[in-house]
Amino acid sequence: MKKSLWFASMVLLLASQTTSRAGVIINMEQIGPNVVATGGGSIDTTDLTPVGTLSNSAFVFAAFPFGSYVSVGGTTTVDQVAYGSITGPASFGSGDQHFATSGSGDVFGVIADLQLNLPPGYISGSPLSATSTWSGESFSSLGLTPGSYTWTWGTGAHADSFTLNIGVPVPEPTTLTMALFAGLAGIGARLWSRRGAIRG
């Protein structure tokens, strides 16, 4: 019984740490005739190094000269602060540049295995939220390879990540939390029934 409770406690602890360090996640989905990207989360910039500025709007370029690039948010060109010191996959496709037809929210993105681009004046840990749509496009026409791609940086309490999911069904954090608690409730009920059986 003690082992089961210890195991349940460890699962809960790991889940809470995973949730607190979720970083930013961009989910790209095929919705009808369009590709829609929804991004959100926050970035810990403590262990990142500013390397300059970049002006762009929401677009995807799977075969950028120095790494695949995705940016979400508004379609108006804005200056972004570029941060280096990230590691991860160098590519997520082989397509050319495609600007989003519509979008809203913060403009932010990642150049694979090179840098993060964040809104000017971004404060470490602040929430980011954006959506972009590529009308009349598919993953194939955009040159995107479906899969999950993650870039990481930092150590210890400042470790963080940026994840791009292309056509990968990803449950919402609330769904994951509910599933975890349902599992823990099941373990608790099982332990309680065993306890009752031993007493009887």
N, C-alpha and C. Protein backbone atom coordinates (compact mmCIF):
# COMPACT_ATOMS: atom_id res chain seq x y z
N MET A 1 0.82 -1.19 0.00
CA MET A 1 0.00 0.00 0.00
C MET A 1 0.87 1.26 0.00
N LYS A 2 1.93 1.28 0.80
CA LYS A 2 2.81 2.44 0.85
C LYS A 2 3.47 2.67 -0.50
N LYS A 3 3.84 1.58 -1.20
CA LYS A 3 4.46 1.71 -2.51
C LYS A 3 3.50 2.34 -3.50
N SER A 4 2.23 1.94 -3.45
CA SER A 4 1.23 2.50 -4.36
C SER A 4 1.03 3.98 -4.11
N LEU A 5 0.97 4.37 -2.84
CA LEU A 5 0.81 5.79 -2.51
C LEU A 5 2.04 6.59 -2.93
N TRP A 6 3.23 6.01 -2.73
CA TRP A 6 4.46 6.68 -3.15
C TRP A 6 4.45 6.88 -4.67
N PHE A 7 4.06 5.84 -5.41
CA PHE A 7 4.01 5.91 -6.86
C PHE A 7 3.02 6.99 -7.31
N ALA A 8 1.85 7.01 -6.70
CA ALA A 8 0.84 8.01 -7.06
C ALA A 8 1.35 9.43 -6.79
N SER A 9 2.06 9.60 -5.68
CA SER A 9 2.61 10.92 -5.34
C SER A 9 3.64 11.36 -6.36
N MET A 10 4.49 10.41 -6.80
CA MET A 10 5.52 10.74 -7.78
C MET A 10 4.90 11.12 -9.12
N VAL A 11 3.86 10.39 -9.53
CA VAL A 11 3.18 10.71 -10.80
C VAL A 11 2.60 12.11 -10.74
N LEU A 12 1.96 12.45 -9.63
CA LEU A 12 1.37 13.78 -9.47
C LEU A 12 2.44 14.86 -9.48
N LEU A 13 3.56 14.62 -8.81
CA LEU A 13 4.66 15.58 -8.78
C LEU A 13 5.24 15.81 -10.16
N LEU A 14 5.49 14.73 -10.90
CA LEU A 14 6.04 14.85 -12.24
C LEU A 14 5.07 15.56 -13.17
N ALA A 15 3.79 15.27 -13.04
CA ALA A 15 2.78 15.92 -13.88
C ALA A 15 2.73 17.42 -13.61
N SER A 16 2.83 17.80 -12.34
CA SER A 16 2.77 19.23 -12.02
C SER A 16 4.01 19.95 -12.53
N GLN A 17 5.17 19.28 -12.50
CA GLN A 17 6.39 19.90 -13.02
C GLN A 17 6.31 20.04 -14.54
N THR A 18 5.77 19.02 -15.21
CA THR A 18 5.63 19.06 -16.66
C THR A 18 4.72 20.20 -17.07
N THR A 19 3.59 20.36 -16.34
CA THR A 19 2.65 21.41 -16.66
C THR A 19 3.28 22.78 -16.45
N SER A 20 4.04 22.95 -15.37
CA SER A 20 4.60 24.26 -15.06
C SER A 20 5.72 24.65 -16.03
N ARG A 21 6.30 23.69 -16.73
CA ARG A 21 7.37 23.99 -17.68
C ARG A 21 6.94 23.65 -19.09
N ALA A 22 5.69 23.89 -19.40
CA ALA A 22 5.17 23.54 -20.72
C ALA A 22 5.75 24.42 -21.81
N GLY A 23 6.26 25.63 -21.45
CA GLY A 23 6.81 26.52 -22.45
C GLY A 23 5.73 26.96 -23.42
N VAL A 24 6.13 27.17 -24.68
CA VAL A 24 5.18 27.56 -25.72
C VAL A 24 4.92 26.37 -26.62
N ILE A 25 3.66 26.20 -27.01
CA ILE A 25 3.27 25.13 -27.92
C ILE A 25 2.49 25.74 -29.07
N ILE A 26 2.88 25.39 -30.30
CA ILE A 26 2.11 25.76 -31.49
C ILE A 26 1.55 24.47 -32.08
N ASN A 27 0.24 24.41 -32.20
CA ASN A 27 -0.43 23.27 -32.83
C ASN A 27 -0.91 23.68 -34.21
N MET A 28 -0.46 22.98 -35.24
CA MET A 28 -0.92 23.23 -36.60
C MET A 28 -1.84 22.08 -37.01
N GLU A 29 -3.06 22.44 -37.43
CA GLU A 29 -4.06 21.44 -37.78
C GLU A 29 -4.63 21.72 -39.17
N GLN A 30 -5.08 20.66 -39.82
CA GLN A 30 -5.81 20.80 -41.07
C GLN A 30 -7.28 20.90 -40.70
N ILE A 31 -7.88 22.06 -40.90
CA ILE A 31 -9.29 22.26 -40.59
C ILE A 31 -10.00 22.62 -41.88
N GLY A 32 -10.73 21.66 -42.43
CA GLY A 32 -11.35 21.86 -43.73
C GLY A 32 -10.28 22.10 -44.78
N PRO A 33 -10.44 23.16 -45.59
CA PRO A 33 -9.46 23.43 -46.65
C PRO A 33 -8.27 24.27 -46.18
N ASN A 34 -8.20 24.54 -44.88
CA ASN A 34 -7.17 25.45 -44.37
C ASN A 34 -6.24 24.78 -43.36
N VAL A 35 -5.05 25.34 -43.22
CA VAL A 35 -4.15 24.97 -42.13
C VAL A 35 -4.24 26.08 -41.09
N VAL A 36 -4.56 25.68 -39.87
CA VAL A 36 -4.72 26.65 -38.79
C VAL A 36 -3.70 26.36 -37.70
N ALA A 37 -3.00 27.40 -37.27
CA ALA A 37 -2.02 27.28 -36.18
C ALA A 37 -2.52 28.05 -34.98
N THR A 38 -2.44 27.41 -33.83
CA THR A 38 -2.80 28.06 -32.57
C THR A 38 -1.63 27.93 -31.62
N GLY A 39 -1.15 29.05 -31.12
CA GLY A 39 0.01 29.01 -30.24
C GLY A 39 -0.27 29.69 -28.92
N GLY A 40 0.36 29.17 -27.86
CA GLY A 40 0.19 29.77 -26.55
C GLY A 40 1.18 29.23 -25.55
N GLY A 41 1.31 29.93 -24.43
CA GLY A 41 2.21 29.52 -23.37
C GLY A 41 3.02 30.70 -22.90
N SER A 42 4.18 30.42 -22.35
CA SER A 42 5.08 31.49 -21.91
C SER A 42 6.52 31.00 -22.05
N ILE A 43 7.44 31.94 -22.09
CA ILE A 43 8.85 31.64 -22.30
C ILE A 43 9.68 32.18 -21.15
N ASP A 44 10.56 31.34 -20.61
CA ASP A 44 11.54 31.77 -19.62
C ASP A 44 12.80 32.16 -20.40
N THR A 45 13.10 33.45 -20.44
CA THR A 45 14.23 33.94 -21.24
C THR A 45 15.53 34.05 -20.44
N THR A 46 15.52 33.62 -19.17
CA THR A 46 16.68 33.79 -18.30
C THR A 46 17.97 33.27 -18.92
N ASP A 47 17.93 32.06 -19.49
CA ASP A 47 19.14 31.46 -20.05
C ASP A 47 19.26 31.65 -21.56
N LEU A 48 18.47 32.56 -22.12
CA LEU A 48 18.56 32.85 -23.55
C LEU A 48 19.41 34.11 -23.77
N THR A 49 20.06 34.17 -24.91
CA THR A 49 20.92 35.31 -25.24
C THR A 49 20.32 36.12 -26.37
N PRO A 50 20.00 37.41 -26.15
CA PRO A 50 19.51 38.25 -27.26
C PRO A 50 20.57 38.35 -28.34
N VAL A 51 20.17 38.17 -29.61
CA VAL A 51 21.14 38.21 -30.70
C VAL A 51 20.78 39.23 -31.77
N GLY A 52 19.75 40.04 -31.52
CA GLY A 52 19.38 41.07 -32.50
C GLY A 52 17.89 41.17 -32.68
N THR A 53 17.47 41.79 -33.78
CA THR A 53 16.05 41.93 -34.09
C THR A 53 15.76 41.38 -35.48
N LEU A 54 14.48 41.06 -35.70
CA LEU A 54 14.04 40.50 -36.97
C LEU A 54 12.65 41.05 -37.24
N SER A 55 12.40 41.51 -38.46
CA SER A 55 11.08 42.03 -38.82
C SER A 55 10.35 41.02 -39.69
N ASN A 56 9.19 40.58 -39.24
CA ASN A 56 8.39 39.68 -40.05
C ASN A 56 6.98 39.58 -39.47
N SER A 57 6.12 38.90 -40.19
CA SER A 57 4.76 38.61 -39.73
C SER A 57 4.61 37.09 -39.68
N ALA A 58 3.37 36.62 -39.58
CA ALA A 58 3.13 35.18 -39.48
C ALA A 58 3.40 34.49 -40.82
N PHE A 59 4.31 33.54 -40.81
CA PHE A 59 4.57 32.74 -42.01
C PHE A 59 5.27 31.45 -41.65
N VAL A 60 5.33 30.54 -42.61
CA VAL A 60 6.05 29.30 -42.42
C VAL A 60 6.98 29.11 -43.60
N PHE A 61 8.20 28.68 -43.31
CA PHE A 61 9.20 28.45 -44.34
C PHE A 61 9.95 27.19 -43.93
N ALA A 62 9.53 26.05 -44.46
CA ALA A 62 10.08 24.78 -44.02
C ALA A 62 11.49 24.53 -44.52
N ALA A 63 11.91 25.26 -45.55
CA ALA A 63 13.27 25.07 -46.07
C ALA A 63 14.02 26.40 -46.08
N PHE A 64 13.99 27.08 -44.95
CA PHE A 64 14.71 28.34 -44.78
C PHE A 64 16.20 28.06 -44.99
N PRO A 65 16.95 29.02 -45.55
CA PRO A 65 18.38 28.77 -45.82
C PRO A 65 19.16 28.26 -44.61
N PHE A 66 18.81 28.73 -43.40
CA PHE A 66 19.56 28.26 -42.23
C PHE A 66 18.66 27.62 -41.19
N GLY A 67 17.60 26.95 -41.63
CA GLY A 67 16.72 26.21 -40.72
C GLY A 67 15.26 26.51 -40.98
N SER A 68 14.40 25.53 -40.79
CA SER A 68 12.96 25.75 -40.93
C SER A 68 12.50 26.85 -39.99
N TYR A 69 11.49 27.60 -40.42
CA TYR A 69 11.04 28.74 -39.63
C TYR A 69 9.52 28.77 -39.60
N VAL A 70 8.95 28.95 -38.41
CA VAL A 70 7.51 29.16 -38.29
C VAL A 70 7.27 30.34 -37.36
N SER A 71 6.34 31.19 -37.75
CA SER A 71 5.97 32.35 -36.95
C SER A 71 4.45 32.47 -36.99
N VAL A 72 3.82 32.73 -35.84
CA VAL A 72 2.37 32.86 -35.78
C VAL A 72 2.00 34.22 -35.21
N GLY A 73 0.73 34.60 -35.40
CA GLY A 73 0.24 35.87 -34.88
C GLY A 73 -0.33 36.72 -35.98
N GLY A 74 -0.23 38.03 -35.84
CA GLY A 74 -0.80 38.95 -36.81
C GLY A 74 -0.06 38.91 -38.14
N THR A 75 -0.72 39.41 -39.18
CA THR A 75 -0.11 39.40 -40.51
C THR A 75 0.60 40.72 -40.83
N THR A 76 0.58 41.68 -39.90
CA THR A 76 1.32 42.93 -40.07
C THR A 76 2.77 42.70 -39.64
N THR A 77 3.71 43.16 -40.45
CA THR A 77 5.12 42.99 -40.12
C THR A 77 5.49 43.79 -38.87
N VAL A 78 6.11 43.13 -37.94
CA VAL A 78 6.55 43.78 -36.70
C VAL A 78 7.98 43.35 -36.38
N ASP A 79 8.66 44.19 -35.60
CA ASP A 79 10.00 43.85 -35.14
C ASP A 79 9.89 42.83 -34.00
N GLN A 80 10.77 41.85 -34.01
CA GLN A 80 10.83 40.87 -32.93
C GLN A 80 12.25 40.84 -32.39
N VAL A 81 12.36 40.46 -31.12
CA VAL A 81 13.68 40.29 -30.51
C VAL A 81 14.08 38.83 -30.70
N ALA A 82 15.26 38.62 -31.25
CA ALA A 82 15.75 37.26 -31.50
C ALA A 82 16.63 36.81 -30.35
N TYR A 83 16.41 35.57 -29.90
CA TYR A 83 17.18 34.98 -28.81
C TYR A 83 17.84 33.70 -29.31
N GLY A 84 19.13 33.53 -29.04
CA GLY A 84 19.85 32.33 -29.43
C GLY A 84 19.93 31.34 -28.29
N SER A 85 20.82 30.38 -28.41
CA SER A 85 21.11 29.36 -27.39
C SER A 85 20.02 28.31 -27.24
N ILE A 86 19.38 27.92 -28.35
CA ILE A 86 18.39 26.83 -28.28
C ILE A 86 18.92 25.63 -29.05
N THR A 87 18.43 24.44 -28.68
CA THR A 87 18.82 23.23 -29.40
C THR A 87 17.57 22.43 -29.74
N GLY A 88 17.63 21.71 -30.85
CA GLY A 88 16.50 20.89 -31.27
C GLY A 88 16.63 20.53 -32.73
N PRO A 89 15.55 20.04 -33.34
CA PRO A 89 15.61 19.62 -34.74
C PRO A 89 15.92 20.79 -35.67
N ALA A 90 16.65 20.52 -36.75
CA ALA A 90 17.05 21.56 -37.68
C ALA A 90 16.01 21.81 -38.76
N SER A 91 15.02 20.92 -38.87
CA SER A 91 14.05 21.07 -39.94
C SER A 91 12.74 20.39 -39.59
N PHE A 92 11.64 20.90 -40.16
CA PHE A 92 10.35 20.21 -40.02
C PHE A 92 9.63 20.14 -41.36
N GLY A 93 10.42 20.17 -42.44
CA GLY A 93 9.83 20.02 -43.77
C GLY A 93 10.78 20.47 -44.85
N SER A 94 10.24 20.61 -46.07
CA SER A 94 11.10 20.99 -47.21
C SER A 94 10.42 22.03 -48.09
N GLY A 95 9.40 22.71 -47.56
CA GLY A 95 8.64 23.65 -48.36
C GLY A 95 9.23 25.04 -48.44
N ASP A 96 8.62 25.86 -49.31
CA ASP A 96 9.03 27.23 -49.52
C ASP A 96 8.28 28.15 -48.56
N GLN A 97 8.51 29.45 -48.69
CA GLN A 97 7.90 30.44 -47.80
C GLN A 97 6.43 30.66 -48.13
N HIS A 98 5.58 30.64 -47.11
CA HIS A 98 4.14 30.89 -47.25
C HIS A 98 3.68 31.79 -46.12
N PHE A 99 3.21 32.97 -46.47
CA PHE A 99 2.68 33.87 -45.45
C PHE A 99 1.26 33.49 -45.09
N ALA A 100 0.90 33.64 -43.83
CA ALA A 100 -0.46 33.35 -43.39
C ALA A 100 -1.41 34.37 -44.01
N THR A 101 -2.64 33.92 -44.32
CA THR A 101 -3.63 34.82 -44.91
C THR A 101 -4.34 35.65 -43.84
N SER A 102 -4.36 35.14 -42.62
CA SER A 102 -4.96 35.90 -41.52
C SER A 102 -4.33 35.44 -40.21
N GLY A 103 -4.46 36.28 -39.21
CA GLY A 103 -3.89 35.93 -37.91
C GLY A 103 -4.14 37.01 -36.90
N SER A 104 -3.95 36.67 -35.64
CA SER A 104 -4.12 37.66 -34.58
C SER A 104 -3.28 37.27 -33.38
N GLY A 105 -3.06 38.23 -32.51
CA GLY A 105 -2.31 37.96 -31.29
C GLY A 105 -0.85 38.34 -31.41
N ASP A 106 -0.06 37.87 -30.45
CA ASP A 106 1.38 38.15 -30.42
C ASP A 106 2.06 37.48 -31.61
N VAL A 107 3.02 38.15 -32.21
CA VAL A 107 3.81 37.54 -33.28
C VAL A 107 5.07 36.96 -32.67
N PHE A 108 5.21 35.63 -32.75
CA PHE A 108 6.39 34.96 -32.22
C PHE A 108 6.64 33.69 -33.00
N GLY A 109 7.85 33.18 -32.91
CA GLY A 109 8.17 31.97 -33.68
C GLY A 109 9.53 31.41 -33.33
N VAL A 110 9.94 30.43 -34.15
CA VAL A 110 11.22 29.76 -33.93
C VAL A 110 11.88 29.48 -35.27
N ILE A 111 13.16 29.73 -35.34
CA ILE A 111 13.97 29.27 -36.47
C ILE A 111 14.68 28.03 -35.96
N ALA A 112 14.38 26.91 -36.57
CA ALA A 112 14.81 25.61 -36.06
C ALA A 112 16.29 25.57 -35.73
N ASP A 113 16.59 25.10 -34.52
CA ASP A 113 17.95 24.90 -34.04
C ASP A 113 18.81 26.16 -34.11
N LEU A 114 18.17 27.33 -34.08
CA LEU A 114 18.95 28.56 -34.17
C LEU A 114 18.49 29.62 -33.17
N GLN A 115 17.20 30.01 -33.24
CA GLN A 115 16.77 31.10 -32.36
C GLN A 115 15.25 31.15 -32.20
N LEU A 116 14.84 31.81 -31.11
CA LEU A 116 13.44 32.15 -30.87
C LEU A 116 13.25 33.61 -31.21
N ASN A 117 12.07 33.96 -31.72
CA ASN A 117 11.74 35.35 -31.99
C ASN A 117 10.53 35.71 -31.16
N LEU A 118 10.67 36.73 -30.31
CA LEU A 118 9.62 37.12 -29.39
C LEU A 118 9.25 38.59 -29.58
N PRO A 119 8.04 38.98 -29.14
CA PRO A 119 7.63 40.37 -29.30
C PRO A 119 8.58 41.32 -28.57
N PRO A 120 8.76 42.53 -29.09
CA PRO A 120 9.64 43.50 -28.42
C PRO A 120 9.10 43.82 -27.03
N GLY A 121 10.01 43.95 -26.07
CA GLY A 121 9.59 44.26 -24.71
C GLY A 121 9.02 43.06 -23.97
N TYR A 122 9.16 41.86 -24.55
CA TYR A 122 8.61 40.68 -23.88
C TYR A 122 9.26 40.48 -22.52
N ILE A 123 8.43 40.26 -21.50
CA ILE A 123 8.91 40.02 -20.14
C ILE A 123 8.89 38.53 -19.87
N SER A 124 10.02 37.99 -19.45
CA SER A 124 10.15 36.56 -19.19
C SER A 124 8.98 36.03 -18.36
N GLY A 125 8.36 34.96 -18.86
CA GLY A 125 7.25 34.33 -18.15
C GLY A 125 5.88 34.89 -18.47
N SER A 126 5.83 35.95 -19.28
CA SER A 126 4.53 36.53 -19.65
C SER A 126 3.81 35.62 -20.64
N PRO A 127 2.46 35.62 -20.61
CA PRO A 127 1.71 34.76 -21.54
C PRO A 127 1.80 35.24 -22.98
N LEU A 128 1.88 34.28 -23.89
CA LEU A 128 1.85 34.53 -25.33
C LEU A 128 0.64 33.80 -25.90
N SER A 129 -0.02 34.41 -26.87
CA SER A 129 -1.18 33.77 -27.48
C SER A 129 -1.35 34.28 -28.90
N ALA A 130 -1.58 33.36 -29.84
CA ALA A 130 -1.73 33.77 -31.23
C ALA A 130 -2.43 32.68 -32.04
N THR A 131 -2.98 33.10 -33.16
CA THR A 131 -3.54 32.14 -34.11
C THR A 131 -3.26 32.64 -35.52
N SER A 132 -3.06 31.71 -36.44
CA SER A 132 -2.81 32.05 -37.85
C SER A 132 -3.49 31.03 -38.74
N THR A 133 -3.91 31.49 -39.92
CA THR A 133 -4.58 30.61 -40.88
C THR A 133 -3.93 30.74 -42.25
N TRP A 134 -3.64 29.60 -42.86
CA TRP A 134 -3.18 29.54 -44.25
C TRP A 134 -4.35 28.99 -45.06
N SER A 135 -5.09 29.88 -45.71
CA SER A 135 -6.30 29.48 -46.44
C SER A 135 -5.97 28.69 -47.70
N GLY A 136 -6.76 27.64 -47.94
CA GLY A 136 -6.59 26.83 -49.14
C GLY A 136 -5.28 26.08 -49.20
N GLU A 137 -4.70 25.79 -48.05
CA GLU A 137 -3.41 25.09 -48.00
C GLU A 137 -3.54 23.78 -47.22
N SER A 138 -2.57 22.92 -47.41
CA SER A 138 -2.48 21.67 -46.67
C SER A 138 -1.05 21.54 -46.15
N PHE A 139 -0.79 20.56 -45.29
CA PHE A 139 0.58 20.36 -44.83
C PHE A 139 1.48 20.08 -46.03
N SER A 140 0.95 19.31 -46.99
CA SER A 140 1.73 18.95 -48.16
C SER A 140 2.07 20.19 -49.00
N SER A 141 1.08 21.05 -49.24
CA SER A 141 1.33 22.23 -50.08
C SER A 141 2.25 23.24 -49.38
N LEU A 142 2.25 23.22 -48.05
CA LEU A 142 3.16 24.09 -47.30
C LEU A 142 4.54 23.45 -47.12
N GLY A 143 4.65 22.18 -47.51
CA GLY A 143 5.94 21.49 -47.37
C GLY A 143 6.27 21.11 -45.96
N LEU A 144 5.24 20.87 -45.13
CA LEU A 144 5.45 20.53 -43.73
C LEU A 144 5.39 19.02 -43.52
N THR A 145 6.27 18.51 -42.71
CA THR A 145 6.29 17.09 -42.37
C THR A 145 5.58 16.90 -41.03
N PRO A 146 4.42 16.21 -41.03
CA PRO A 146 3.69 16.01 -39.76
C PRO A 146 4.57 15.37 -38.70
N GLY A 147 4.39 15.81 -37.47
CA GLY A 147 5.17 15.28 -36.35
C GLY A 147 5.23 16.31 -35.24
N SER A 148 5.93 15.96 -34.18
CA SER A 148 6.11 16.85 -33.04
C SER A 148 7.58 17.23 -32.94
N TYR A 149 7.86 18.53 -32.86
CA TYR A 149 9.22 19.04 -32.85
C TYR A 149 9.41 19.94 -31.63
N THR A 150 10.46 19.69 -30.86
CA THR A 150 10.68 20.45 -29.64
C THR A 150 12.11 21.00 -29.56
N TRP A 151 12.21 22.28 -29.19
CA TRP A 151 13.48 22.95 -28.98
C TRP A 151 13.59 23.30 -27.50
N THR A 152 14.76 23.15 -26.93
CA THR A 152 14.94 23.37 -25.49
C THR A 152 16.12 24.31 -25.23
N TRP A 153 16.15 24.83 -24.01
CA TRP A 153 17.26 25.68 -23.56
C TRP A 153 17.19 25.79 -22.04
N GLY A 154 18.27 26.30 -21.47
CA GLY A 154 18.31 26.56 -20.04
C GLY A 154 18.54 25.31 -19.20
N THR A 155 18.78 25.54 -17.92
CA THR A 155 19.01 24.45 -16.97
C THR A 155 18.24 24.71 -15.69
N GLY A 156 18.03 23.65 -14.94
CA GLY A 156 17.39 23.77 -13.63
C GLY A 156 16.03 24.43 -13.71
N ALA A 157 15.80 25.39 -12.82
CA ALA A 157 14.50 26.06 -12.74
C ALA A 157 14.21 26.89 -13.99
N HIS A 158 15.25 27.22 -14.78
CA HIS A 158 15.04 28.05 -15.96
C HIS A 158 15.01 27.25 -17.27
N ALA A 159 14.98 25.92 -17.18
CA ALA A 159 14.86 25.09 -18.38
C ALA A 159 13.48 25.32 -18.98
N ASP A 160 13.41 25.43 -20.30
CA ASP A 160 12.14 25.69 -20.95
C ASP A 160 12.15 25.08 -22.35
N SER A 161 11.00 25.20 -23.05
CA SER A 161 10.91 24.56 -24.36
C SER A 161 9.91 25.27 -25.27
N PHE A 162 10.07 25.01 -26.56
CA PHE A 162 9.17 25.50 -27.61
C PHE A 162 8.81 24.29 -28.44
N THR A 163 7.53 23.96 -28.53
CA THR A 163 7.10 22.76 -29.25
C THR A 163 6.20 23.12 -30.42
N LEU A 164 6.46 22.51 -31.57
CA LEU A 164 5.63 22.67 -32.75
C LEU A 164 5.03 21.31 -33.07
N ASN A 165 3.70 21.22 -33.03
CA ASN A 165 2.99 20.00 -33.39
C ASN A 165 2.31 20.20 -34.74
N ILE A 166 2.68 19.41 -35.72
CA ILE A 166 2.11 19.50 -37.06
C ILE A 166 1.24 18.27 -37.28
N GLY A 167 -0.07 18.45 -37.26
CA GLY A 167 -0.98 17.35 -37.49
C GLY A 167 -0.94 16.27 -36.44
N VAL A 168 -0.54 16.63 -35.24
CA VAL A 168 -0.46 15.68 -34.13
C VAL A 168 -1.54 16.03 -33.12
N PRO A 169 -2.48 15.10 -32.87
CA PRO A 169 -3.51 15.40 -31.87
C PRO A 169 -2.89 15.49 -30.49
N VAL A 170 -3.04 16.64 -29.86
CA VAL A 170 -2.45 16.87 -28.55
C VAL A 170 -3.56 17.25 -27.57
N PRO A 171 -3.74 16.47 -26.50
CA PRO A 171 -4.79 16.81 -25.53
C PRO A 171 -4.47 18.11 -24.82
N GLU A 172 -5.53 18.85 -24.48
CA GLU A 172 -5.36 20.09 -23.73
C GLU A 172 -4.81 19.78 -22.34
N PRO A 173 -4.07 20.71 -21.72
CA PRO A 173 -3.54 20.48 -20.37
C PRO A 173 -4.63 20.11 -19.37
N THR A 174 -5.83 20.72 -19.49
CA THR A 174 -6.90 20.38 -18.56
C THR A 174 -7.34 18.94 -18.73
N THR A 175 -7.31 18.45 -19.97
CA THR A 175 -7.66 17.06 -20.22
C THR A 175 -6.64 16.13 -19.58
N LEU A 176 -5.36 16.49 -19.72
CA LEU A 176 -4.31 15.67 -19.11
C LEU A 176 -4.44 15.64 -17.60
N THR A 177 -4.73 16.81 -17.02
CA THR A 177 -4.88 16.89 -15.56
C THR A 177 -6.05 16.05 -15.09
N MET A 178 -7.18 16.15 -15.81
CA MET A 178 -8.36 15.36 -15.43
C MET A 178 -8.07 13.87 -15.54
N ALA A 179 -7.35 13.47 -16.60
CA ALA A 179 -7.02 12.06 -16.77
C ALA A 179 -6.12 11.58 -15.63
N LEU A 180 -5.18 12.43 -15.22
CA LEU A 180 -4.28 12.09 -14.13
C LEU A 180 -5.05 11.88 -12.84
N PHE A 181 -5.94 12.84 -12.52
CA PHE A 181 -6.70 12.73 -11.28
C PHE A 181 -7.66 11.55 -11.32
N ALA A 182 -8.20 11.24 -12.50
CA ALA A 182 -9.07 10.07 -12.62
C ALA A 182 -8.27 8.80 -12.32
N GLY A 183 -7.04 8.76 -12.83
CA GLY A 183 -6.18 7.61 -12.56
C GLY A 183 -5.85 7.47 -11.09
N LEU A 184 -5.52 8.62 -10.46
CA LEU A 184 -5.22 8.60 -9.03
C LEU A 184 -6.44 8.20 -8.21
N ALA A 185 -7.62 8.65 -8.63
CA ALA A 185 -8.85 8.27 -7.93
C ALA A 185 -9.07 6.76 -8.02
N GLY A 186 -8.75 6.22 -9.20
CA GLY A 186 -8.88 4.77 -9.38
C GLY A 186 -7.94 4.00 -8.47
N ILE A 187 -6.70 4.49 -8.36
CA ILE A 187 -5.73 3.85 -7.46
C ILE A 187 -6.22 3.93 -6.02
N GLY A 188 -6.73 5.12 -5.64
CA GLY A 188 -7.24 5.30 -4.28
C GLY A 188 -8.40 4.37 -3.98
N ALA A 189 -9.32 4.23 -4.93
CA ALA A 189 -10.47 3.35 -4.73
C ALA A 189 -10.03 1.90 -4.60
N ARG A 190 -9.04 1.53 -5.40
CA ARG A 190 -8.55 0.15 -5.33
C ARG A 190 -7.89 -0.14 -3.98
N LEU A 191 -7.08 0.83 -3.51
CA LEU A 191 -6.44 0.66 -2.21
C LEU A 191 -7.48 0.61 -1.09
N TRP A 192 -8.52 1.43 -1.19
CA TRP A 192 -9.57 1.45 -0.17
C TRP A 192 -10.32 0.13 -0.14
N SER A 193 -10.60 -0.42 -1.33
CA SER A 193 -11.33 -1.70 -1.36
C SER A 193 -10.46 -2.84 -0.81
N ARG A 194 -9.16 -2.79 -1.10
CA ARG A 194 -8.25 -3.81 -0.53
C ARG A 194 -8.22 -3.72 0.99
N ARG A 195 -8.18 -2.48 1.47
CA ARG A 195 -8.14 -2.28 2.92
C ARG A 195 -9.39 -2.86 3.58
N GLY A 196 -10.55 -2.61 2.92
CA GLY A 196 -11.81 -3.15 3.45
C GLY A 196 -11.84 -4.67 3.42
N ALA A 197 -11.26 -5.24 2.34
CA ALA A 197 -11.24 -6.71 2.22
C ALA A 197 -10.36 -7.33 3.28
N ILE A 198 -9.24 -6.67 3.59
CA ILE A 198 -8.33 -7.20 4.62
C ILE A 198 -8.99 -7.17 6.00
N ARG A 199 -9.72 -6.08 6.30
CA ARG A 199 -10.39 -5.96 7.57
C ARG A 199 -11.52 -6.97 7.71
N GLY A 200 -12.22 -7.22 6.58
CA GLY A 200 -13.36 -8.14 6.62
C GLY A 200 -12.90 -9.55 6.79
